[in-house]
């Protein structure tokens, strides 16, 4: 049976989620500024795409770390499956 997360684990998870939301807000604001600079400077080659893509990869990893399948939970679930399979539940 999977154990419930401790108060310390819940605090760390909450902190990661708040940090992700701050990261997302910064990403949106800065990228909107980049698009505005591109637009008002003649709207030629769309160079902000490189900022969107590069920073977006980091943002995706941040999102996975904050909301994705945590490795501790995955290990606990896999261990539980194996215990049931081999009759050691």
Protein backbone atom coordinates (compact mmCIF):
# COMPACT_ATOMS: atom_id res chain seq x y z
CA UNK A 1 0.00 0.00 0.00
CA UNK A 2 1.37 3.42 -0.93
CA UNK A 3 2.20 5.63 2.01
CA UNK A 4 0.67 9.06 2.35
CA UNK A 5 3.14 11.90 1.80
CA UNK A 6 4.60 13.50 4.91
CA UNK A 7 4.03 17.14 5.78
CA UNK A 8 7.56 17.88 4.58
CA UNK A 9 6.87 16.22 1.22
CA UNK A 10 3.62 18.18 0.86
CA UNK A 11 5.46 21.42 1.63
CA UNK A 12 8.09 20.65 -1.02
CA UNK A 13 5.41 19.81 -3.59
CA UNK A 14 3.49 23.00 -2.82
CA UNK A 15 6.69 25.02 -3.16
CA UNK A 16 7.50 23.42 -6.55
CA UNK A 17 4.00 24.22 -7.81
CA UNK A 18 4.17 27.85 -6.68
CA UNK A 19 7.61 28.20 -8.27
CA UNK A 20 6.26 26.72 -11.50
CA UNK A 21 3.39 29.23 -11.60
CA UNK A 22 5.88 32.06 -11.07
CA UNK A 23 8.08 30.64 -13.84
CA UNK A 24 5.07 30.40 -16.16
CA UNK A 25 4.02 34.00 -15.47
CA UNK A 26 7.55 35.22 -16.17
CA UNK A 27 7.68 33.16 -19.38
CA UNK A 28 4.42 34.63 -20.65
CA UNK A 29 5.32 38.25 -19.81
CA UNK A 30 8.82 38.10 -21.30
CA UNK A 31 7.66 36.28 -24.43
CA UNK A 32 4.86 38.80 -24.98
CA UNK A 33 7.47 41.54 -24.74
CA UNK A 34 9.64 39.73 -27.30
CA UNK A 35 6.71 39.44 -29.70
CA UNK A 36 5.91 43.14 -29.23
CA UNK A 37 9.54 44.08 -29.97
CA UNK A 38 9.50 41.86 -33.05
CA UNK A 39 6.17 43.33 -34.23
CA UNK A 40 7.10 46.98 -33.71
CA UNK A 41 10.53 46.54 -35.28
CA UNK A 42 9.14 45.53 -38.66
CA UNK A 43 7.82 41.99 -38.16
CA UNK A 44 10.41 40.38 -40.40
CA UNK A 45 11.99 37.04 -39.55
CA UNK A 46 10.20 35.68 -36.47
CA UNK A 47 13.22 35.44 -34.19
CA UNK A 48 11.23 35.16 -30.90
CA UNK A 49 10.53 31.53 -31.80
CA UNK A 50 14.01 30.64 -30.54
CA UNK A 51 13.23 32.16 -27.14
CA UNK A 52 9.82 30.42 -27.07
CA UNK A 53 11.31 27.03 -27.89
CA UNK A 54 14.44 27.21 -25.76
CA UNK A 55 12.75 28.53 -22.66
CA UNK A 56 9.69 26.37 -23.32
CA UNK A 57 11.75 23.20 -22.93
CA UNK A 58 12.89 24.35 -19.50
CA UNK A 59 9.33 25.29 -18.61
CA UNK A 60 8.11 21.83 -19.64
CA UNK A 61 10.64 20.17 -17.33
CA UNK A 62 9.59 22.52 -14.55
CA UNK A 63 5.93 21.57 -15.11
CA UNK A 64 6.75 17.87 -15.03
CA UNK A 65 8.71 18.32 -11.82
CA UNK A 66 5.81 20.20 -10.21
CA UNK A 67 2.79 18.28 -11.54
CA UNK A 68 4.12 15.13 -13.19
CA UNK A 69 4.36 11.61 -11.94
CA UNK A 70 6.79 11.81 -9.02
CA UNK A 71 9.42 9.09 -8.96
CA UNK A 72 8.72 8.22 -5.31
CA UNK A 73 5.07 7.60 -6.10
CA UNK A 74 5.92 5.61 -9.22
CA UNK A 75 8.33 3.37 -7.28
CA UNK A 76 5.76 2.81 -4.52
CA UNK A 77 3.05 1.90 -7.07
CA UNK A 78 5.39 -0.49 -8.90
CA UNK A 79 6.38 -2.13 -5.62
CA UNK A 80 2.70 -2.57 -4.73
CA UNK A 81 2.00 -4.20 -8.12
CA UNK A 82 4.86 -6.64 -7.62
CA UNK A 83 3.71 -7.50 -4.10
CA UNK A 84 0.20 -8.28 -5.39
CA UNK A 85 1.59 -10.28 -8.30
CA UNK A 86 3.74 -12.46 -6.07
CA UNK A 87 1.20 -12.73 -3.25
CA UNK A 88 3.12 -10.68 -0.70
CA UNK A 89 0.55 -7.92 -0.23
